[in-house]
Amino acid sequence: MSDDHLDGAPVAAPRPKRRLFHKSTARLSPEAVERQSRVTLLAWNMMGADAAIAFLNGYHDVLEGRPLDLAVASAAGCDAVEQAIAARAAGA
């Protein structure tokens, strides 16, 4: 049992192919993506980068939720988040 190209070394079994990325969550609808983009850009422009990130990703008492989640979930949620961004940027 001789294999010239392996010089007697044991042959390792090939590794199974793995996907580098897998879908862990459902994709957003085009409308949800548009709302997410719109509130993110609005917050970024009106509040600045750091404040926008903190606001969109933190719990907001008046909105009773995380602004980014609310904006993505519905048009009404997006409107409420836009109003909250405007109020916060105005200093209210």
N, C-alpha and C. Protein backbone atom coordinates (compact mmCIF):
# COMPACT_ATOMS: atom_id res chain seq x y z
N MET A 1 0.84 -1.17 0.00
CA MET A 1 0.00 0.00 0.00
C MET A 1 0.89 1.23 0.00
N SER A 2 1.33 1.59 -1.17
CA SER A 2 2.26 2.70 -1.31
C SER A 2 1.61 3.81 -2.11
N ASP A 3 1.80 5.04 -1.64
CA ASP A 3 1.28 6.21 -2.33
C ASP A 3 2.44 7.18 -2.48
N ASP A 4 3.01 7.24 -3.71
CA ASP A 4 4.23 7.99 -3.93
C ASP A 4 4.11 9.48 -3.57
N HIS A 5 2.99 10.11 -3.86
CA HIS A 5 2.90 11.55 -3.65
C HIS A 5 2.64 11.92 -2.19
N LEU A 6 2.30 10.95 -1.33
CA LEU A 6 2.04 11.26 0.07
C LEU A 6 3.17 10.82 0.99
N ASP A 7 4.12 10.07 0.47
CA ASP A 7 5.25 9.59 1.25
C ASP A 7 4.83 8.88 2.52
N GLY A 8 3.74 8.14 2.47
CA GLY A 8 3.32 7.37 3.63
C GLY A 8 2.59 8.18 4.68
N ALA A 9 2.40 9.48 4.49
CA ALA A 9 1.69 10.29 5.47
C ALA A 9 0.20 9.98 5.43
N PRO A 10 -0.44 10.01 6.58
CA PRO A 10 -1.87 9.74 6.58
C PRO A 10 -2.63 10.82 5.80
N VAL A 11 -3.67 10.40 5.15
CA VAL A 11 -4.45 11.32 4.35
C VAL A 11 -5.61 11.85 5.21
N ALA A 12 -5.67 13.15 5.35
CA ALA A 12 -6.74 13.75 6.14
C ALA A 12 -8.00 13.82 5.29
N ALA A 13 -9.12 13.61 5.95
CA ALA A 13 -10.39 13.72 5.25
C ALA A 13 -10.62 15.17 4.88
N PRO A 14 -11.21 15.42 3.74
CA PRO A 14 -11.46 16.81 3.35
C PRO A 14 -12.43 17.46 4.34
N ARG A 15 -12.19 18.72 4.60
CA ARG A 15 -13.06 19.46 5.51
C ARG A 15 -14.40 19.73 4.82
N PRO A 16 -15.46 19.64 5.58
CA PRO A 16 -16.76 19.95 4.97
C PRO A 16 -16.82 21.43 4.61
N LYS A 17 -17.49 21.71 3.52
CA LYS A 17 -17.62 23.11 3.11
C LYS A 17 -18.61 23.80 4.04
N ARG A 18 -18.19 24.96 4.52
CA ARG A 18 -19.05 25.73 5.39
C ARG A 18 -19.34 27.06 4.74
N ARG A 19 -20.53 27.54 4.96
CA ARG A 19 -20.85 28.87 4.48
C ARG A 19 -20.26 29.86 5.47
N LEU A 20 -19.58 30.87 4.94
CA LEU A 20 -18.98 31.86 5.82
C LEU A 20 -20.02 32.74 6.49
N PHE A 21 -21.07 33.02 5.79
CA PHE A 21 -22.14 33.85 6.33
C PHE A 21 -23.44 33.09 6.19
N HIS A 22 -24.25 33.18 7.20
CA HIS A 22 -25.54 32.53 7.10
C HIS A 22 -26.63 33.51 7.52
N LYS A 23 -27.79 33.28 7.01
CA LYS A 23 -28.90 34.17 7.29
C LYS A 23 -29.42 33.85 8.69
N SER A 24 -29.23 34.79 9.62
CA SER A 24 -29.68 34.56 10.98
C SER A 24 -30.98 35.30 11.28
N THR A 25 -31.32 36.28 10.48
CA THR A 25 -32.56 37.01 10.68
C THR A 25 -33.24 37.21 9.34
N ALA A 26 -34.49 37.51 9.40
CA ALA A 26 -35.24 37.76 8.17
C ALA A 26 -34.79 39.08 7.56
N ARG A 27 -34.86 39.15 6.26
CA ARG A 27 -34.52 40.39 5.57
C ARG A 27 -35.64 41.39 5.75
N LEU A 28 -35.25 42.66 5.76
CA LEU A 28 -36.25 43.73 5.86
C LEU A 28 -36.90 43.96 4.51
N SER A 29 -38.13 44.38 4.54
CA SER A 29 -38.82 44.73 3.30
C SER A 29 -38.20 46.01 2.75
N PRO A 30 -38.38 46.29 1.48
CA PRO A 30 -37.86 47.54 0.92
C PRO A 30 -38.40 48.77 1.65
N GLU A 31 -39.65 48.72 2.09
CA GLU A 31 -40.24 49.85 2.81
C GLU A 31 -39.56 50.03 4.17
N ALA A 32 -39.29 48.94 4.85
CA ALA A 32 -38.62 49.00 6.15
C ALA A 32 -37.20 49.53 6.00
N VAL A 33 -36.51 49.11 4.96
CA VAL A 33 -35.16 49.60 4.70
C VAL A 33 -35.18 51.11 4.44
N GLU A 34 -36.19 51.56 3.68
CA GLU A 34 -36.30 52.99 3.39
C GLU A 34 -36.54 53.78 4.67
N ARG A 35 -37.41 53.29 5.55
CA ARG A 35 -37.68 53.98 6.81
C ARG A 35 -36.44 54.00 7.70
N GLN A 36 -35.74 52.89 7.75
CA GLN A 36 -34.51 52.80 8.54
C GLN A 36 -33.48 53.81 8.03
N SER A 37 -33.31 53.86 6.74
CA SER A 37 -32.35 54.80 6.15
C SER A 37 -32.76 56.24 6.40
N ARG A 38 -34.05 56.51 6.26
CA ARG A 38 -34.54 57.87 6.42
C ARG A 38 -34.32 58.39 7.84
N VAL A 39 -34.67 57.61 8.87
CA VAL A 39 -34.49 58.10 10.23
C VAL A 39 -33.03 58.15 10.62
N THR A 40 -32.24 57.23 10.10
CA THR A 40 -30.80 57.25 10.39
C THR A 40 -30.16 58.50 9.82
N LEU A 41 -30.46 58.82 8.59
CA LEU A 41 -29.90 60.02 7.95
C LEU A 41 -30.39 61.28 8.65
N LEU A 42 -31.67 61.33 8.98
CA LEU A 42 -32.23 62.49 9.67
C LEU A 42 -31.55 62.69 11.02
N ALA A 43 -31.43 61.63 11.80
CA ALA A 43 -30.79 61.73 13.11
C ALA A 43 -29.33 62.14 12.96
N TRP A 44 -28.64 61.56 12.03
CA TRP A 44 -27.23 61.87 11.79
C TRP A 44 -27.06 63.35 11.47
N ASN A 45 -27.90 63.86 10.59
CA ASN A 45 -27.80 65.27 10.17
C ASN A 45 -28.22 66.25 11.26
N MET A 46 -29.21 65.88 12.05
CA MET A 46 -29.73 66.81 13.05
C MET A 46 -29.05 66.71 14.40
N MET A 47 -28.45 65.56 14.70
CA MET A 47 -27.90 65.34 16.03
C MET A 47 -26.39 65.12 16.04
N GLY A 48 -25.84 64.75 14.92
CA GLY A 48 -24.44 64.35 14.90
C GLY A 48 -24.32 62.85 15.08
N ALA A 49 -23.20 62.32 14.68
CA ALA A 49 -23.02 60.87 14.63
C ALA A 49 -23.20 60.18 15.97
N ASP A 50 -22.47 60.59 16.98
CA ASP A 50 -22.51 59.89 18.27
C ASP A 50 -23.89 59.97 18.92
N ALA A 51 -24.49 61.15 18.91
CA ALA A 51 -25.82 61.32 19.51
C ALA A 51 -26.87 60.53 18.73
N ALA A 52 -26.75 60.49 17.41
CA ALA A 52 -27.70 59.75 16.59
C ALA A 52 -27.63 58.26 16.88
N ILE A 53 -26.44 57.73 16.97
CA ILE A 53 -26.27 56.30 17.26
C ILE A 53 -26.85 55.97 18.63
N ALA A 54 -26.53 56.80 19.61
CA ALA A 54 -27.04 56.56 20.97
C ALA A 54 -28.57 56.65 21.00
N PHE A 55 -29.13 57.64 20.35
CA PHE A 55 -30.57 57.82 20.34
C PHE A 55 -31.28 56.67 19.63
N LEU A 56 -30.85 56.34 18.44
CA LEU A 56 -31.53 55.32 17.65
C LEU A 56 -31.44 53.92 18.26
N ASN A 57 -30.38 53.64 18.98
CA ASN A 57 -30.17 52.31 19.53
C ASN A 57 -30.55 52.16 20.99
N GLY A 58 -30.87 53.26 21.67
CA GLY A 58 -31.24 53.20 23.07
C GLY A 58 -32.74 53.20 23.25
N TYR A 59 -33.18 52.88 24.45
CA TYR A 59 -34.61 52.90 24.76
C TYR A 59 -35.03 54.35 24.94
N HIS A 60 -36.16 54.72 24.35
CA HIS A 60 -36.67 56.09 24.44
C HIS A 60 -37.98 56.02 25.21
N ASP A 61 -38.03 56.69 26.38
CA ASP A 61 -39.21 56.61 27.25
C ASP A 61 -40.49 57.10 26.58
N VAL A 62 -40.42 58.23 25.90
CA VAL A 62 -41.61 58.80 25.28
C VAL A 62 -42.15 57.87 24.18
N LEU A 63 -41.25 57.30 23.40
CA LEU A 63 -41.65 56.39 22.33
C LEU A 63 -41.97 54.98 22.84
N GLU A 64 -41.54 54.71 24.06
CA GLU A 64 -41.71 53.40 24.68
C GLU A 64 -41.09 52.28 23.86
N GLY A 65 -39.88 52.54 23.40
CA GLY A 65 -39.17 51.53 22.64
C GLY A 65 -37.87 52.06 22.08
N ARG A 66 -37.21 51.23 21.34
CA ARG A 66 -35.96 51.59 20.67
C ARG A 66 -36.32 52.25 19.35
N PRO A 67 -35.94 53.51 19.15
CA PRO A 67 -36.37 54.26 17.96
C PRO A 67 -36.12 53.55 16.64
N LEU A 68 -34.98 52.93 16.47
CA LEU A 68 -34.70 52.27 15.20
C LEU A 68 -35.67 51.13 14.94
N ASP A 69 -35.99 50.36 15.97
CA ASP A 69 -36.95 49.27 15.83
C ASP A 69 -38.34 49.80 15.48
N LEU A 70 -38.74 50.88 16.14
CA LEU A 70 -40.06 51.46 15.89
C LEU A 70 -40.17 51.99 14.47
N ALA A 71 -39.12 52.65 13.99
CA ALA A 71 -39.13 53.21 12.64
C ALA A 71 -39.21 52.11 11.59
N VAL A 72 -38.51 51.02 11.81
CA VAL A 72 -38.51 49.91 10.86
C VAL A 72 -39.86 49.19 10.87
N ALA A 73 -40.49 49.12 12.01
CA ALA A 73 -41.71 48.33 12.15
C ALA A 73 -42.91 48.88 11.39
N SER A 74 -43.05 50.21 11.33
CA SER A 74 -44.25 50.75 10.69
C SER A 74 -44.04 52.20 10.28
N ALA A 75 -44.90 52.66 9.38
CA ALA A 75 -44.87 54.06 8.95
C ALA A 75 -45.20 54.98 10.12
N ALA A 76 -46.16 54.58 10.95
CA ALA A 76 -46.53 55.39 12.11
C ALA A 76 -45.36 55.49 13.09
N GLY A 77 -44.67 54.38 13.29
CA GLY A 77 -43.49 54.39 14.16
C GLY A 77 -42.40 55.28 13.61
N CYS A 78 -42.22 55.25 12.30
CA CYS A 78 -41.22 56.09 11.64
C CYS A 78 -41.57 57.57 11.84
N ASP A 79 -42.84 57.91 11.67
CA ASP A 79 -43.27 59.30 11.87
C ASP A 79 -43.00 59.75 13.30
N ALA A 80 -43.30 58.89 14.27
CA ALA A 80 -43.07 59.23 15.67
C ALA A 80 -41.58 59.44 15.96
N VAL A 81 -40.75 58.60 15.38
CA VAL A 81 -39.31 58.73 15.57
C VAL A 81 -38.80 60.02 14.93
N GLU A 82 -39.28 60.33 13.74
CA GLU A 82 -38.87 61.58 13.07
C GLU A 82 -39.26 62.79 13.93
N GLN A 83 -40.44 62.77 14.52
CA GLN A 83 -40.86 63.87 15.39
C GLN A 83 -39.99 63.95 16.63
N ALA A 84 -39.63 62.80 17.20
CA ALA A 84 -38.77 62.79 18.38
C ALA A 84 -37.37 63.31 18.06
N ILE A 85 -36.88 63.00 16.88
CA ILE A 85 -35.56 63.50 16.46
C ILE A 85 -35.61 65.01 16.31
N ALA A 86 -36.65 65.51 15.66
CA ALA A 86 -36.79 66.96 15.48
C ALA A 86 -36.91 67.67 16.83
N ALA A 87 -37.69 67.11 17.74
CA ALA A 87 -37.86 67.72 19.06
C ALA A 87 -36.55 67.71 19.83
N ARG A 88 -35.85 66.62 19.76
CA ARG A 88 -34.57 66.52 20.48
C ARG A 88 -33.55 67.47 19.89
N ALA A 89 -33.50 67.57 18.57
CA ALA A 89 -32.55 68.47 17.91
C ALA A 89 -32.88 69.93 18.23
N ALA A 90 -34.17 70.23 18.43
CA ALA A 90 -34.60 71.60 18.76
C ALA A 90 -34.37 71.92 20.23
N GLY A 91 -34.00 70.89 21.00
CA GLY A 91 -33.72 71.11 22.42
C GLY A 91 -34.90 70.89 23.33
N ALA A 92 -35.95 70.32 22.81
CA ALA A 92 -37.15 70.07 23.63
C ALA A 92 -37.00 68.85 24.48
